[in-house]
Full PDB file with SEQRES, HELIX, SHEET, SSBOND, CRYST1, ORIGX, SCALE, CONECT and MASTER records, all heavy atoms in Angstrom:
SEQRES   1 A   36  PRO GLY ALA GLU PHE SER THR ARG SER PRO TYR PRO ASP          
SEQRES   2 A   36  ALA ARG ARG LEU LEU ASP ALA GLY VAL THR VAL ALA LEU          
SEQRES   3 A   36  ALA THR ASP CYS ASN PRO GLY SER SER TYR                      
HELIX    1 AA1 GLY A    2  THR A    7  1                                   6    
HELIX    2 AA2 ALA A   14  ASP A   19  1                                   6    
CRYST1    1.000    1.000    1.000  90.00  90.00  90.00 P 1           1          
ORIGX1      1.000000  0.000000  0.000000        0.00000                         
ORIGX2      0.000000  1.000000  0.000000        0.00000                         
ORIGX3      0.000000  0.000000  1.000000        0.00000                         
SCALE1      1.000000  0.000000  0.000000        0.00000                         
SCALE2      0.000000  1.000000  0.000000        0.00000                         
SCALE3      0.000000  0.000000  1.000000        0.00000                         
ATOM      1  N   PRO A   1       0.797  -1.233   0.000  1.00  0.00           N  
ATOM      2  CA  PRO A   1       0.000   0.000   0.000  1.00  0.00           C  
ATOM      3  C   PRO A   1       0.825   1.277   0.000  1.00  0.00           C  
ATOM      4  O   PRO A   1       0.326   2.327  -0.379  1.00  0.00           O  
ATOM      5  CB  PRO A   1      -0.836  -0.127   1.276  1.00  0.00           C  
ATOM      6  CG  PRO A   1      -0.066  -1.067   2.155  1.00  0.00           C  
ATOM      7  CD  PRO A   1       0.574  -2.041   1.218  1.00  0.00           C  
ATOM      8  N   GLY A   2       2.096   1.192   0.388  1.00  0.00           N  
ATOM      9  CA  GLY A   2       2.938   2.375   0.308  1.00  0.00           C  
ATOM     10  C   GLY A   2       3.094   2.865  -1.122  1.00  0.00           C  
ATOM     11  O   GLY A   2       3.227   4.070  -1.364  1.00  0.00           O  
ATOM     12  N   ALA A   3       3.073   1.934  -2.073  1.00  0.00           N  
ATOM     13  CA  ALA A   3       3.196   2.329  -3.479  1.00  0.00           C  
ATOM     14  C   ALA A   3       1.964   3.087  -3.943  1.00  0.00           C  
ATOM     15  O   ALA A   3       2.072   4.088  -4.666  1.00  0.00           O  
ATOM     16  CB  ALA A   3       3.426   1.097  -4.342  1.00  0.00           C  
ATOM     17  N   GLU A   4       0.792   2.608  -3.556  1.00  0.00           N  
ATOM     18  CA  GLU A   4      -0.439   3.327  -3.947  1.00  0.00           C  
ATOM     19  C   GLU A   4      -0.506   4.694  -3.270  1.00  0.00           C  
ATOM     20  O   GLU A   4      -0.918   5.685  -3.880  1.00  0.00           O  
ATOM     21  CB  GLU A   4      -1.666   2.492  -3.589  1.00  0.00           C  
ATOM     22  CG  GLU A   4      -1.978   1.393  -4.584  1.00  0.00           C  
ATOM     23  CD  GLU A   4      -0.995   0.240  -4.524  1.00  0.00           C  
ATOM     24  OE1 GLU A   4      -0.614  -0.169  -3.407  1.00  0.00           O  
ATOM     25  OE2 GLU A   4      -0.609  -0.283  -5.597  1.00  0.00           O  
ATOM     26  N   PHE A   5      -0.080   4.762  -2.006  1.00  0.00           N  
ATOM     27  CA  PHE A   5      -0.061   6.034  -1.291  1.00  0.00           C  
ATOM     28  C   PHE A   5       0.842   7.035  -2.013  1.00  0.00           C  
ATOM     29  O   PHE A   5       0.483   8.205  -2.174  1.00  0.00           O  
ATOM     30  CB  PHE A   5       0.441   5.805   0.138  1.00  0.00           C  
ATOM     31  CG  PHE A   5       0.562   7.054   0.962  1.00  0.00           C  
ATOM     32  CD1 PHE A   5      -0.511   7.534   1.688  1.00  0.00           C  
ATOM     33  CD2 PHE A   5       1.771   7.747   1.023  1.00  0.00           C  
ATOM     34  CE1 PHE A   5      -0.392   8.695   2.461  1.00  0.00           C  
ATOM     35  CE2 PHE A   5       1.894   8.895   1.784  1.00  0.00           C  
ATOM     36  CZ  PHE A   5       0.811   9.375   2.502  1.00  0.00           C  
ATOM     37  N   SER A   6       2.009   6.564  -2.462  1.00  0.00           N  
ATOM     38  CA  SER A   6       3.015   7.453  -3.035  1.00  0.00           C  
ATOM     39  C   SER A   6       2.807   7.754  -4.509  1.00  0.00           C  
ATOM     40  O   SER A   6       3.478   8.639  -5.052  1.00  0.00           O  
ATOM     41  CB  SER A   6       4.413   6.847  -2.839  1.00  0.00           C  
ATOM     42  OG  SER A   6       4.706   6.721  -1.460  1.00  0.00           O  
ATOM     43  N   THR A   7       1.910   7.018  -5.161  1.00  0.00           N  
ATOM     44  CA  THR A   7       1.658   7.257  -6.585  1.00  0.00           C  
ATOM     45  C   THR A   7       0.226   7.707  -6.862  1.00  0.00           C  
ATOM     46  O   THR A   7      -0.140   7.911  -8.017  1.00  0.00           O  
ATOM     47  CB  THR A   7       1.941   5.985  -7.410  1.00  0.00           C  
ATOM     48  OG1 THR A   7       1.088   4.925  -6.968  1.00  0.00           O  
ATOM     49  CG2 THR A   7       3.397   5.559  -7.271  1.00  0.00           C  
ATOM     50  N   ARG A   8      -0.567   7.853  -5.799  1.00  0.00           N  
ATOM     51  CA  ARG A   8      -1.979   8.203  -5.948  1.00  0.00           C  
ATOM     52  C   ARG A   8      -2.691   7.267  -6.917  1.00  0.00           C  
ATOM     53  O   ARG A   8      -3.453   7.696  -7.791  1.00  0.00           O  
ATOM     54  CB  ARG A   8      -2.149   9.658  -6.388  1.00  0.00           C  
ATOM     55  CG  ARG A   8      -1.949  10.637  -5.249  1.00  0.00           C  
ATOM     56  CD  ARG A   8      -2.475  12.023  -5.604  1.00  0.00           C  
ATOM     57  NE  ARG A   8      -2.413  12.898  -4.440  1.00  0.00           N  
ATOM     58  CZ  ARG A   8      -2.184  14.197  -4.494  1.00  0.00           C  
ATOM     59  NH1 ARG A   8      -2.001  14.785  -5.668  1.00  0.00           N  
ATOM     60  NH2 ARG A   8      -2.176  14.923  -3.401  1.00  0.00           N  
ATOM     61  N   SER A   9      -2.420   5.973  -6.749  1.00  0.00           N  
ATOM     62  CA  SER A   9      -3.033   4.939  -7.580  1.00  0.00           C  
ATOM     63  C   SER A   9      -4.113   4.222  -6.776  1.00  0.00           C  
ATOM     64  O   SER A   9      -4.139   4.300  -5.545  1.00  0.00           O  
ATOM     65  CB  SER A   9      -1.968   3.937  -8.028  1.00  0.00           C  
ATOM     66  OG  SER A   9      -0.954   4.582  -8.760  1.00  0.00           O  
ATOM     67  N   PRO A  10      -4.989   3.476  -7.439  1.00  0.00           N  
ATOM     68  CA  PRO A  10      -5.994   2.704  -6.699  1.00  0.00           C  
ATOM     69  C   PRO A  10      -5.323   1.645  -5.831  1.00  0.00           C  
ATOM     70  O   PRO A  10      -4.343   1.013  -6.245  1.00  0.00           O  
ATOM     71  CB  PRO A  10      -6.826   2.049  -7.812  1.00  0.00           C  
ATOM     72  CG  PRO A  10      -6.532   2.824  -9.047  1.00  0.00           C  
ATOM     73  CD  PRO A  10      -5.142   3.351  -8.900  1.00  0.00           C  
ATOM     74  N   TYR A  11      -5.865   1.450  -4.635  1.00  0.00           N  
ATOM     75  CA  TYR A  11      -5.338   0.423  -3.739  1.00  0.00           C  
ATOM     76  C   TYR A  11      -5.845  -0.955  -4.159  1.00  0.00           C  
ATOM     77  O   TYR A  11      -6.942  -1.083  -4.709  1.00  0.00           O  
ATOM     78  CB  TYR A  11      -5.775   0.698  -2.300  1.00  0.00           C  
ATOM     79  CG  TYR A  11      -5.028   1.830  -1.646  1.00  0.00           C  
ATOM     80  CD1 TYR A  11      -5.500   3.139  -1.736  1.00  0.00           C  
ATOM     81  CD2 TYR A  11      -3.862   1.613  -0.929  1.00  0.00           C  
ATOM     82  CE1 TYR A  11      -4.829   4.195  -1.140  1.00  0.00           C  
ATOM     83  CE2 TYR A  11      -3.175   2.656  -0.319  1.00  0.00           C  
ATOM     84  CZ  TYR A  11      -3.664   3.949  -0.434  1.00  0.00           C  
ATOM     85  OH  TYR A  11      -2.991   4.992   0.162  1.00  0.00           O  
ATOM     86  N   PRO A  12      -5.071  -2.017  -3.900  1.00  0.00           N  
ATOM     87  CA  PRO A  12      -5.577  -3.367  -4.135  1.00  0.00           C  
ATOM     88  C   PRO A  12      -6.803  -3.642  -3.265  1.00  0.00           C  
ATOM     89  O   PRO A  12      -6.956  -3.068  -2.183  1.00  0.00           O  
ATOM     90  CB  PRO A  12      -4.413  -4.274  -3.708  1.00  0.00           C  
ATOM     91  CG  PRO A  12      -3.207  -3.394  -3.683  1.00  0.00           C  
ATOM     92  CD  PRO A  12      -3.698  -2.017  -3.364  1.00  0.00           C  
ATOM     93  N   ASP A  13      -7.652  -4.532  -3.743  1.00  0.00           N  
ATOM     94  CA  ASP A  13      -8.852  -4.910  -2.999  1.00  0.00           C  
ATOM     95  C   ASP A  13      -8.521  -6.098  -2.108  1.00  0.00           C  
ATOM     96  O   ASP A  13      -8.758  -7.255  -2.450  1.00  0.00           O  
ATOM     97  CB  ASP A  13      -9.987  -5.254  -3.968  1.00  0.00           C  
ATOM     98  CG  ASP A  13     -11.327  -5.421  -3.267  1.00  0.00           C  
ATOM     99  OD1 ASP A  13     -11.342  -5.524  -2.020  1.00  0.00           O  
ATOM    100  OD2 ASP A  13     -12.357  -5.458  -3.964  1.00  0.00           O  
ATOM    101  N   ALA A  14      -7.937  -5.809  -0.948  1.00  0.00           N  
ATOM    102  CA  ALA A  14      -7.552  -6.874  -0.029  1.00  0.00           C  
ATOM    103  C   ALA A  14      -8.752  -7.673   0.440  1.00  0.00           C  
ATOM    104  O   ALA A  14      -8.672  -8.891   0.637  1.00  0.00           O  
ATOM    105  CB  ALA A  14      -6.809  -6.280   1.172  1.00  0.00           C  
ATOM    106  N   ARG A  15      -9.876  -6.976   0.626  1.00  0.00           N  
ATOM    107  CA  ARG A  15     -11.079  -7.659   1.118  1.00  0.00           C  
ATOM    108  C   ARG A  15     -11.495  -8.781   0.160  1.00  0.00           C  
ATOM    109  O   ARG A  15     -11.844  -9.888   0.582  1.00  0.00           O  
ATOM    110  CB  ARG A  15     -12.212  -6.630   1.249  1.00  0.00           C  
ATOM    111  CG  ARG A  15     -13.492  -7.116   1.831  1.00  0.00           C  
ATOM    112  CD  ARG A  15     -13.444  -7.223   3.352  1.00  0.00           C  
ATOM    113  NE  ARG A  15     -13.016  -8.538   3.813  1.00  0.00           N  
ATOM    114  CZ  ARG A  15     -12.119  -8.745   4.777  1.00  0.00           C  
ATOM    115  NH1 ARG A  15     -11.517  -7.743   5.381  1.00  0.00           N  
ATOM    116  NH2 ARG A  15     -11.780  -9.956   5.129  1.00  0.00           N  
ATOM    117  N   ARG A  16     -11.433  -8.488  -1.130  1.00  0.00           N  
ATOM    118  CA  ARG A  16     -11.794  -9.490  -2.141  1.00  0.00           C  
ATOM    119  C   ARG A  16     -10.880 -10.710  -2.049  1.00  0.00           C  
ATOM    120  O   ARG A  16     -11.342 -11.856  -2.130  1.00  0.00           O  
ATOM    121  CB  ARG A  16     -11.693  -8.845  -3.519  1.00  0.00           C  
ATOM    122  CG  ARG A  16     -12.017  -9.717  -4.719  1.00  0.00           C  
ATOM    123  CD  ARG A  16     -11.706  -8.931  -5.977  1.00  0.00           C  
ATOM    124  NE  ARG A  16     -11.974  -9.646  -7.209  1.00  0.00           N  
ATOM    125  CZ  ARG A  16     -11.464  -9.320  -8.389  1.00  0.00           C  
ATOM    126  NH1 ARG A  16     -10.676  -8.245  -8.477  1.00  0.00           N  
ATOM    127  NH2 ARG A  16     -11.742 -10.021  -9.468  1.00  0.00           N  
ATOM    128  N   LEU A  17      -9.589 -10.481  -1.885  1.00  0.00           N  
ATOM    129  CA  LEU A  17      -8.637 -11.579  -1.792  1.00  0.00           C  
ATOM    130  C   LEU A  17      -8.849 -12.400  -0.527  1.00  0.00           C  
ATOM    131  O   LEU A  17      -8.883 -13.636  -0.565  1.00  0.00           O  
ATOM    132  CB  LEU A  17      -7.209 -11.026  -1.830  1.00  0.00           C  
ATOM    133  CG  LEU A  17      -6.746 -10.461  -3.171  1.00  0.00           C  
ATOM    134  CD1 LEU A  17      -5.505  -9.594  -2.992  1.00  0.00           C  
ATOM    135  CD2 LEU A  17      -6.456 -11.591  -4.157  1.00  0.00           C  
ATOM    136  N   LEU A  18      -8.990 -11.732   0.584  1.00  0.00           N  
ATOM    137  CA  LEU A  18      -9.165 -12.438   1.852  1.00  0.00           C  
ATOM    138  C   LEU A  18     -10.455 -13.252   1.867  1.00  0.00           C  
ATOM    139  O   LEU A  18     -10.476 -14.397   2.330  1.00  0.00           O  
ATOM    140  CB  LEU A  18      -9.144 -11.442   3.013  1.00  0.00           C  
ATOM    141  CG  LEU A  18      -7.776 -10.812   3.297  1.00  0.00           C  
ATOM    142  CD1 LEU A  18      -7.944  -9.564   4.153  1.00  0.00           C  
ATOM    143  CD2 LEU A  18      -6.850 -11.811   3.975  1.00  0.00           C  
ATOM    144  N   ASP A  19     -11.520 -12.665   1.367  1.00  0.00           N  
ATOM    145  CA  ASP A  19     -12.797 -13.375   1.358  1.00  0.00           C  
ATOM    146  C   ASP A  19     -12.763 -14.599   0.448  1.00  0.00           C  
ATOM    147  O   ASP A  19     -13.523 -15.555   0.646  1.00  0.00           O  
ATOM    148  CB  ASP A  19     -13.925 -12.432   0.928  1.00  0.00           C  
ATOM    149  CG  ASP A  19     -14.252 -11.385   1.985  1.00  0.00           C  
ATOM    150  OD1 ASP A  19     -13.769 -11.525   3.128  1.00  0.00           O  
ATOM    151  OD2 ASP A  19     -14.977 -10.429   1.668  1.00  0.00           O  
ATOM    152  N   ALA A  20     -11.856 -14.582  -0.539  1.00  0.00           N  
ATOM    153  CA  ALA A  20     -11.721 -15.733  -1.435  1.00  0.00           C  
ATOM    154  C   ALA A  20     -10.794 -16.808  -0.859  1.00  0.00           C  
ATOM    155  O   ALA A  20     -10.653 -17.880  -1.452  1.00  0.00           O  
ATOM    156  CB  ALA A  20     -11.183 -15.276  -2.789  1.00  0.00           C  
ATOM    157  N   GLY A  21     -10.153 -16.502   0.263  1.00  0.00           N  
ATOM    158  CA  GLY A  21      -9.260 -17.474   0.885  1.00  0.00           C  
ATOM    159  C   GLY A  21      -7.813 -17.378   0.470  1.00  0.00           C  
ATOM    160  O   GLY A  21      -7.024 -18.291   0.725  1.00  0.00           O  
ATOM    161  N   VAL A  22      -7.437 -16.271  -0.154  1.00  0.00           N  
ATOM    162  CA  VAL A  22      -6.049 -16.065  -0.576  1.00  0.00           C  
ATOM    163  C   VAL A  22      -5.203 -15.670   0.634  1.00  0.00           C  
ATOM    164  O   VAL A  22      -5.632 -14.889   1.484  1.00  0.00           O  
ATOM    165  CB  VAL A  22      -5.970 -14.967  -1.657  1.00  0.00           C  
ATOM    166  CG1 VAL A  22      -4.519 -14.684  -2.044  1.00  0.00           C  
ATOM    167  CG2 VAL A  22      -6.792 -15.356  -2.875  1.00  0.00           C  
ATOM    168  N   THR A  23      -3.993 -16.221   0.722  1.00  0.00           N  
ATOM    169  CA  THR A  23      -3.049 -15.775   1.746  1.00  0.00           C  
ATOM    170  C   THR A  23      -2.473 -14.433   1.327  1.00  0.00           C  
ATOM    171  O   THR A  23      -1.952 -14.287   0.219  1.00  0.00           O  
ATOM    172  CB  THR A  23      -1.908 -16.787   1.924  1.00  0.00           C  
ATOM    173  OG1 THR A  23      -2.459 -18.042   2.325  1.00  0.00           O  
ATOM    174  CG2 THR A  23      -0.928 -16.317   2.984  1.00  0.00           C  
ATOM    175  N   VAL A  24      -2.575 -13.449   2.206  1.00  0.00           N  
ATOM    176  CA  VAL A  24      -2.156 -12.079   1.910  1.00  0.00           C  
ATOM    177  C   VAL A  24      -0.993 -11.689   2.809  1.00  0.00           C  
ATOM    178  O   VAL A  24      -0.986 -11.985   4.006  1.00  0.00           O  
ATOM    179  CB  VAL A  24      -3.332 -11.098   2.100  1.00  0.00           C  
ATOM    180  CG1 VAL A  24      -2.864  -9.647   2.042  1.00  0.00           C  
ATOM    181  CG2 VAL A  24      -4.406 -11.358   1.050  1.00  0.00           C  
ATOM    182  N   ALA A  25      -0.002 -11.036   2.225  1.00  0.00           N  
ATOM    183  CA  ALA A  25       1.096 -10.432   2.967  1.00  0.00           C  
ATOM    184  C   ALA A  25       1.091  -8.933   2.735  1.00  0.00           C  
ATOM    185  O   ALA A  25       0.600  -8.448   1.705  1.00  0.00           O  
ATOM    186  CB  ALA A  25       2.434 -11.021   2.531  1.00  0.00           C  
ATOM    187  N   LEU A  26       1.643  -8.207   3.677  1.00  0.00           N  
ATOM    188  CA  LEU A  26       1.891  -6.777   3.523  1.00  0.00           C  
ATOM    189  C   LEU A  26       3.393  -6.539   3.535  1.00  0.00           C  
ATOM    190  O   LEU A  26       4.124  -7.175   4.300  1.00  0.00           O  
ATOM    191  CB  LEU A  26       1.260  -5.979   4.664  1.00  0.00           C  
ATOM    192  CG  LEU A  26      -0.253  -5.851   4.696  1.00  0.00           C  
ATOM    193  CD1 LEU A  26      -0.682  -5.136   5.978  1.00  0.00           C  
ATOM    194  CD2 LEU A  26      -0.762  -5.088   3.478  1.00  0.00           C  
ATOM    195  N   ALA A  27       3.859  -5.633   2.687  1.00  0.00           N  
ATOM    196  CA  ALA A  27       5.274  -5.268   2.648  1.00  0.00           C  
ATOM    197  C   ALA A  27       5.387  -3.802   2.261  1.00  0.00           C  
ATOM    198  O   ALA A  27       4.423  -3.182   1.800  1.00  0.00           O  
ATOM    199  CB  ALA A  27       6.040  -6.162   1.677  1.00  0.00           C  
ATOM    200  N   THR A  28       6.578  -3.230   2.446  1.00  0.00           N  
ATOM    201  CA  THR A  28       6.739  -1.789   2.243  1.00  0.00           C  
ATOM    202  C   THR A  28       7.003  -1.398   0.798  1.00  0.00           C  
ATOM    203  O   THR A  28       6.705  -0.281   0.403  1.00  0.00           O  
ATOM    204  CB  THR A  28       7.913  -1.240   3.071  1.00  0.00           C  
ATOM    205  OG1 THR A  28       9.132  -1.849   2.629  1.00  0.00           O  
ATOM    206  CG2 THR A  28       7.697  -1.472   4.563  1.00  0.00           C  
ATOM    207  N   ASP A  29       7.619  -2.292  -0.003  1.00  0.00           N  
ATOM    208  CA  ASP A  29       8.111  -1.917  -1.337  1.00  0.00           C  
ATOM    209  C   ASP A  29       9.101  -0.763  -1.231  1.00  0.00           C  
ATOM    210  O   ASP A  29       9.183   0.092  -2.118  1.00  0.00           O  
ATOM    211  CB  ASP A  29       6.960  -1.547  -2.274  1.00  0.00           C  
ATOM    212  CG  ASP A  29       7.368  -1.461  -3.741  1.00  0.00           C  
ATOM    213  OD1 ASP A  29       8.449  -1.982  -4.087  1.00  0.00           O  
ATOM    214  OD2 ASP A  29       6.623  -0.865  -4.546  1.00  0.00           O  
ATOM    215  N   CYS A  30       9.850  -0.686  -0.140  1.00  0.00           N  
ATOM    216  CA  CYS A  30      10.756   0.437   0.074  1.00  0.00           C  
ATOM    217  C   CYS A  30      11.674   0.616  -1.131  1.00  0.00           C  
ATOM    218  O   CYS A  30      12.453  -0.267  -1.484  1.00  0.00           O  
ATOM    219  CB  CYS A  30      11.589   0.205   1.330  1.00  0.00           C  
ATOM    220  SG  CYS A  30      12.665   1.589   1.752  1.00  0.00           S  
ATOM    221  N   ASN A  31      11.571   1.777  -1.783  1.00  0.00           N  
ATOM    222  CA  ASN A  31      12.390   2.101  -2.945  1.00  0.00           C  
ATOM    223  C   ASN A  31      12.370   3.607  -3.129  1.00  0.00           C  
ATOM    224  O   ASN A  31      11.480   4.289  -2.607  1.00  0.00           O  
ATOM    225  CB  ASN A  31      11.882   1.360  -4.187  1.00  0.00           C  
ATOM    226  CG  ASN A  31      10.623   1.963  -4.774  1.00  0.00           C  
ATOM    227  OD1 ASN A  31      10.679   2.930  -5.518  1.00  0.00           O  
ATOM    228  ND2 ASN A  31       9.460   1.405  -4.428  1.00  0.00           N  
ATOM    229  N   PRO A  32      13.314   4.176  -3.889  1.00  0.00           N  
ATOM    230  CA  PRO A  32      13.419   5.633  -3.939  1.00  0.00           C  
ATOM    231  C   PRO A  32      12.392   6.315  -4.821  1.00  0.00           C  
ATOM    232  O   PRO A  32      12.269   7.545  -4.778  1.00  0.00           O  
ATOM    233  CB  PRO A  32      14.823   5.854  -4.504  1.00  0.00           C  
ATOM    234  CG  PRO A  32      15.061   4.646  -5.362  1.00  0.00           C  
ATOM    235  CD  PRO A  32      14.408   3.519  -4.624  1.00  0.00           C  
ATOM    236  N   GLY A  33      11.640   5.544  -5.624  1.00  0.00           N  
ATOM    237  CA  GLY A  33      10.743   6.175  -6.573  1.00  0.00           C  
ATOM    238  C   GLY A  33       9.284   6.124  -6.209  1.00  0.00           C  
ATOM    239  O   GLY A  33       8.607   7.155  -6.153  1.00  0.00           O  
ATOM    240  N   SER A  34       8.769   4.921  -5.928  1.00  0.00           N  
ATOM    241  CA  SER A  34       7.312   4.778  -5.794  1.00  0.00           C  
ATOM    242  C   SER A  34       6.834   4.459  -4.390  1.00  0.00           C  
ATOM    243  O   SER A  34       5.618   4.433  -4.143  1.00  0.00           O  
ATOM    244  CB  SER A  34       6.811   3.681  -6.751  1.00  0.00           C  
ATOM    245  OG  SER A  34       7.408   2.438  -6.437  1.00  0.00           O  
ATOM    246  N   SER A  35       7.752   4.228  -3.438  1.00  0.00           N  
ATOM    247  CA  SER A  35       7.320   3.925  -2.071  1.00  0.00           C  
ATOM    248  C   SER A  35       8.513   4.058  -1.143  1.00  0.00           C  
ATOM    249  O   SER A  35       9.056   3.069  -0.656  1.00  0.00           O  
ATOM    250  CB  SER A  35       6.736   2.507  -1.975  1.00  0.00           C  
ATOM    251  OG  SER A  35       6.241   2.253  -0.670  1.00  0.00           O  
ATOM    252  N   TYR A  36       8.882   5.286  -0.850  1.00  0.00           N  
ATOM    253  CA  TYR A  36      10.107   5.493  -0.069  1.00  0.00           C  
ATOM    254  C   TYR A  36       9.776   5.484   1.427  1.00  0.00           C  
ATOM    255  O   TYR A  36       9.973   6.470   2.137  1.00  0.00           O  
ATOM    256  CB  TYR A  36      10.791   6.783  -0.486  1.00  0.00           C  
ATOM    257  CG  TYR A  36      12.267   6.848  -0.140  1.00  0.00           C  
ATOM    258  CD1 TYR A  36      12.953   5.739   0.327  1.00  0.00           C  
ATOM    259  CD2 TYR A  36      12.981   8.030  -0.308  1.00  0.00           C  
ATOM    260  CE1 TYR A  36      14.292   5.797   0.635  1.00  0.00           C  
ATOM    261  CE2 TYR A  36      14.332   8.109  -0.005  1.00  0.00           C  
ATOM    262  CZ  TYR A  36      14.980   6.990   0.461  1.00  0.00           C  
ATOM    263  OH  TYR A  36      16.326   7.060   0.766  1.00  0.00           O  
TER     264      TYR A  36                                                      
MASTER        0    0    0    2    0    0    0    6  263    1    0    3          
END                                                                             
């Protein structure tokens, strides 16, 4: 979600994934361009 925050892009639909039974992880995507 840091990438969507930093690029003003739509966020992934985590609710859809979780409700379908997908294993979800969160990570920072720490990088100098899209999610610092």
